[in-house]
Amino acid sequence: MDQKHTTEAVEHRNGEYALIRDAEDPQLGLYDKPLPCFGCGIGWFSLLLGFVFPLMWYYATILYFGNYYHKDPRERAGLAASAIAALICTIAVIITIAVLVF
């Protein structure tokens, strides 16, 4: 048994550090670090900031369709929400322009 991945404290020599992992879930500590942008993630931050600067919704949409969420799956929901907001904004602008022109 490799001592670097064991969870048994008895098997370690005195004074050495051991990497503690769960045998059933090797990705246990993968998402322990907080998300960027004040802990809410780029997608949700872009959604909130998009109400002031709507171009942020389009930036998040590009990240969503560019599969940015493969780096961290926790980002997927926020990026999708921003993409939906960008779609609604685009439709509203098109309808407004159509009403004003015709």
C-alpha atoms as a PDB file:
ATOM      1  CA  MET A   1       0.000   0.000   0.000  1.00  0.00           C
ATOM      2  CA  ASP A   2       1.350   3.406  -0.947  1.00  0.00           C
ATOM      3  CA  GLN A   3       1.833   5.459   2.194  1.00  0.00           C
ATOM      4  CA  LYS A   4       1.147   8.741   0.411  1.00  0.00           C
ATOM      5  CA  HIS A   5      -2.513   7.868  -0.042  1.00  0.00           C
ATOM      6  CA  THR A   6      -3.315   5.970   3.115  1.00  0.00           C
ATOM      7  CA  THR A   7      -5.744   7.200   5.732  1.00  0.00           C
ATOM      8  CA  GLU A   8      -4.434   5.020   8.534  1.00  0.00           C
ATOM      9  CA  ALA A   9      -2.515   7.096  11.083  1.00  0.00           C
ATOM     10  CA  VAL A  10      -0.694   4.024  12.435  1.00  0.00           C
ATOM     11  CA  GLU A  11       1.068   3.374   9.112  1.00  0.00           C
ATOM     12  CA  HIS A  12       2.840   6.763   9.050  1.00  0.00           C
ATOM     13  CA  ARG A  13       6.276   7.381  10.412  1.00  0.00           C
ATOM     14  CA  ASN A  14       6.650  10.011  13.048  1.00  0.00           C
ATOM     15  CA  GLY A  15       7.087  13.558  11.681  1.00  0.00           C
ATOM     16  CA  GLU A  16       5.924  12.876   8.101  1.00  0.00           C
ATOM     17  CA  TYR A  17       2.894  14.403   6.467  1.00  0.00           C
ATOM     18  CA  ALA A  18       0.298  12.173   4.859  1.00  0.00           C
ATOM     19  CA  LEU A  19      -2.148  13.039   2.126  1.00  0.00           C
ATOM     20  CA  ILE A  20      -5.636  12.203   3.366  1.00  0.00           C
ATOM     21  CA  ARG A  21      -8.052  11.094   0.655  1.00  0.00           C
ATOM     22  CA  ASP A  22     -11.302   9.247   0.519  1.00  0.00           C
ATOM     23  CA  ALA A  23     -10.929   5.853  -1.132  1.00  0.00           C
ATOM     24  CA  GLU A  24     -14.435   5.976  -2.638  1.00  0.00           C
ATOM     25  CA  ASP A  25     -14.270   9.571  -3.924  1.00  0.00           C
ATOM     26  CA  PRO A  26     -10.835  10.604  -5.223  1.00  0.00           C
ATOM     27  CA  GLN A  27     -12.124  14.106  -6.154  1.00  0.00           C
ATOM     28  CA  LEU A  28     -13.232  14.908  -2.608  1.00  0.00           C
ATOM     29  CA  GLY A  29     -11.058  17.991  -2.130  1.00  0.00           C
ATOM     30  CA  LEU A  30     -11.067  19.111  -5.752  1.00  0.00           C
ATOM     31  CA  TYR A  31     -13.670  21.848  -5.276  1.00  0.00           C
ATOM     32  CA  ASP A  32     -12.757  22.979  -1.773  1.00  0.00           C
ATOM     33  CA  LYS A  33     -11.295  26.274  -2.964  1.00  0.00           C
ATOM     34  CA  PRO A  34     -13.741  29.174  -3.232  1.00  0.00           C
ATOM     35  CA  LEU A  35     -14.984  30.397  -6.578  1.00  0.00           C
ATOM     36  CA  PRO A  36     -13.546  33.606  -8.065  1.00  0.00           C
ATOM     37  CA  CYS A  37     -15.456  36.917  -7.986  1.00  0.00           C
ATOM     38  CA  PHE A  38     -16.231  37.124  -4.289  1.00  0.00           C
ATOM     39  CA  GLY A  39     -17.086  33.439  -3.994  1.00  0.00           C
ATOM     40  CA  CYS A  40     -20.103  33.437  -6.308  1.00  0.00           C
ATOM     41  CA  GLY A  41     -18.347  32.521  -9.559  1.00  0.00           C
ATOM     42  CA  ILE A  42     -17.880  34.317 -12.843  1.00  0.00           C
ATOM     43  CA  GLY A  43     -21.339  33.393 -14.169  1.00  0.00           C
ATOM     44  CA  TRP A  44     -23.386  34.696 -11.243  1.00  0.00           C
ATOM     45  CA  PHE A  45     -21.149  37.746 -10.928  1.00  0.00           C
ATOM     46  CA  SER A  46     -21.673  38.476 -14.633  1.00  0.00           C
ATOM     47  CA  LEU A  47     -25.416  38.021 -14.222  1.00  0.00           C
ATOM     48  CA  LEU A  48     -25.583  40.558 -11.404  1.00  0.00           C
ATOM     49  CA  LEU A  49     -23.188  43.006 -13.037  1.00  0.00           C
ATOM     50  CA  GLY A  50     -25.072  42.612 -16.335  1.00  0.00           C
ATOM     51  CA  PHE A  51     -27.984  44.643 -15.019  1.00  0.00           C
ATOM     52  CA  VAL A  52     -25.612  47.632 -15.016  1.00  0.00           C
ATOM     53  CA  PHE A  53     -23.352  46.576 -17.941  1.00  0.00           C
ATOM     54  CA  PRO A  54     -25.329  44.209 -20.229  1.00  0.00           C
ATOM     55  CA  LEU A  55     -22.192  43.316 -22.181  1.00  0.00           C
ATOM     56  CA  MET A  56     -21.186  41.148 -19.207  1.00  0.00           C
ATOM     57  CA  TRP A  57     -24.038  38.789 -20.127  1.00  0.00           C
ATOM     58  CA  TYR A  58     -22.547  38.345 -23.580  1.00  0.00           C
ATOM     59  CA  TYR A  59     -19.084  37.762 -22.100  1.00  0.00           C
ATOM     60  CA  ALA A  60     -20.510  35.013 -19.859  1.00  0.00           C
ATOM     61  CA  THR A  61     -22.379  33.559 -22.852  1.00  0.00           C
ATOM     62  CA  ILE A  62     -19.104  33.265 -24.751  1.00  0.00           C
ATOM     63  CA  LEU A  63     -17.573  31.512 -21.738  1.00  0.00           C
ATOM     64  CA  TYR A  64     -20.581  29.183 -21.526  1.00  0.00           C
ATOM     65  CA  PHE A  65     -20.462  28.158 -25.169  1.00  0.00           C
ATOM     66  CA  GLY A  66     -16.685  27.923 -24.945  1.00  0.00           C
ATOM     67  CA  ASN A  67     -17.130  25.216 -22.278  1.00  0.00           C
ATOM     68  CA  TYR A  68     -15.420  27.223 -19.544  1.00  0.00           C
ATOM     69  CA  TYR A  69     -17.410  25.251 -16.989  1.00  0.00           C
ATOM     70  CA  HIS A  70     -15.287  22.158 -17.710  1.00  0.00           C
ATOM     71  CA  LYS A  71     -12.611  23.749 -15.524  1.00  0.00           C
ATOM     72  CA  ASP A  72     -15.063  23.960 -12.631  1.00  0.00           C
ATOM     73  CA  PRO A  73     -18.591  22.510 -12.986  1.00  0.00           C
ATOM     74  CA  ARG A  74     -19.880  24.839 -10.259  1.00  0.00           C
ATOM     75  CA  GLU A  75     -19.703  27.660 -12.823  1.00  0.00           C
ATOM     76  CA  ARG A  76     -22.211  26.067 -15.212  1.00  0.00           C
ATOM     77  CA  ALA A  77     -25.439  27.331 -13.629  1.00  0.00           C
ATOM     78  CA  GLY A  78     -24.314  30.948 -13.419  1.00  0.00           C
ATOM     79  CA  LEU A  79     -22.970  30.970 -16.959  1.00  0.00           C
ATOM     80  CA  ALA A  80     -26.227  29.453 -18.245  1.00  0.00           C
ATOM     81  CA  ALA A  81     -28.253  32.083 -16.361  1.00  0.00           C
ATOM     82  CA  SER A  82     -26.157  34.816 -17.949  1.00  0.00           C
ATOM     83  CA  ALA A  83     -26.676  33.267 -21.393  1.00  0.00           C
ATOM     84  CA  ILE A  84     -30.438  33.298 -20.837  1.00  0.00           C
ATOM     85  CA  ALA A  85     -30.276  36.931 -19.692  1.00  0.00           C
ATOM     86  CA  ALA A  86     -28.307  37.803 -22.846  1.00  0.00           C
ATOM     87  CA  LEU A  87     -30.962  36.089 -24.972  1.00  0.00           C
ATOM     88  CA  ILE A  88     -33.792  37.994 -23.260  1.00  0.00           C
ATOM     89  CA  CYS A  89     -31.868  41.266 -23.614  1.00  0.00           C
ATOM     90  CA  THR A  90     -31.281  40.628 -27.320  1.00  0.00           C
ATOM     91  CA  ILE A  91     -34.954  39.856 -27.940  1.00  0.00           C
ATOM     92  CA  ALA A  92     -36.014  42.979 -26.013  1.00  0.00           C
ATOM     93  CA  VAL A  93     -33.632  45.167 -28.046  1.00  0.00           C
ATOM     94  CA  ILE A  94     -34.844  43.674 -31.343  1.00  0.00           C
ATOM     95  CA  ILE A  95     -38.498  44.218 -30.398  1.00  0.00           C
ATOM     96  CA  THR A  96     -37.760  47.795 -29.254  1.00  0.00           C
ATOM     97  CA  ILE A  97     -35.944  48.610 -32.497  1.00  0.00           C
ATOM     98  CA  ALA A  98     -38.745  47.020 -34.564  1.00  0.00           C
ATOM     99  CA  VAL A  99     -41.397  49.084 -32.761  1.00  0.00           C
ATOM    100  CA  LEU A 100     -39.438  52.325 -33.125  1.00  0.00           C
ATOM    101  CA  VAL A 101     -38.607  51.806 -36.803  1.00  0.00           C
ATOM    102  CA  PHE A 102     -42.001  50.554 -38.018  1.00  0.00           C
END
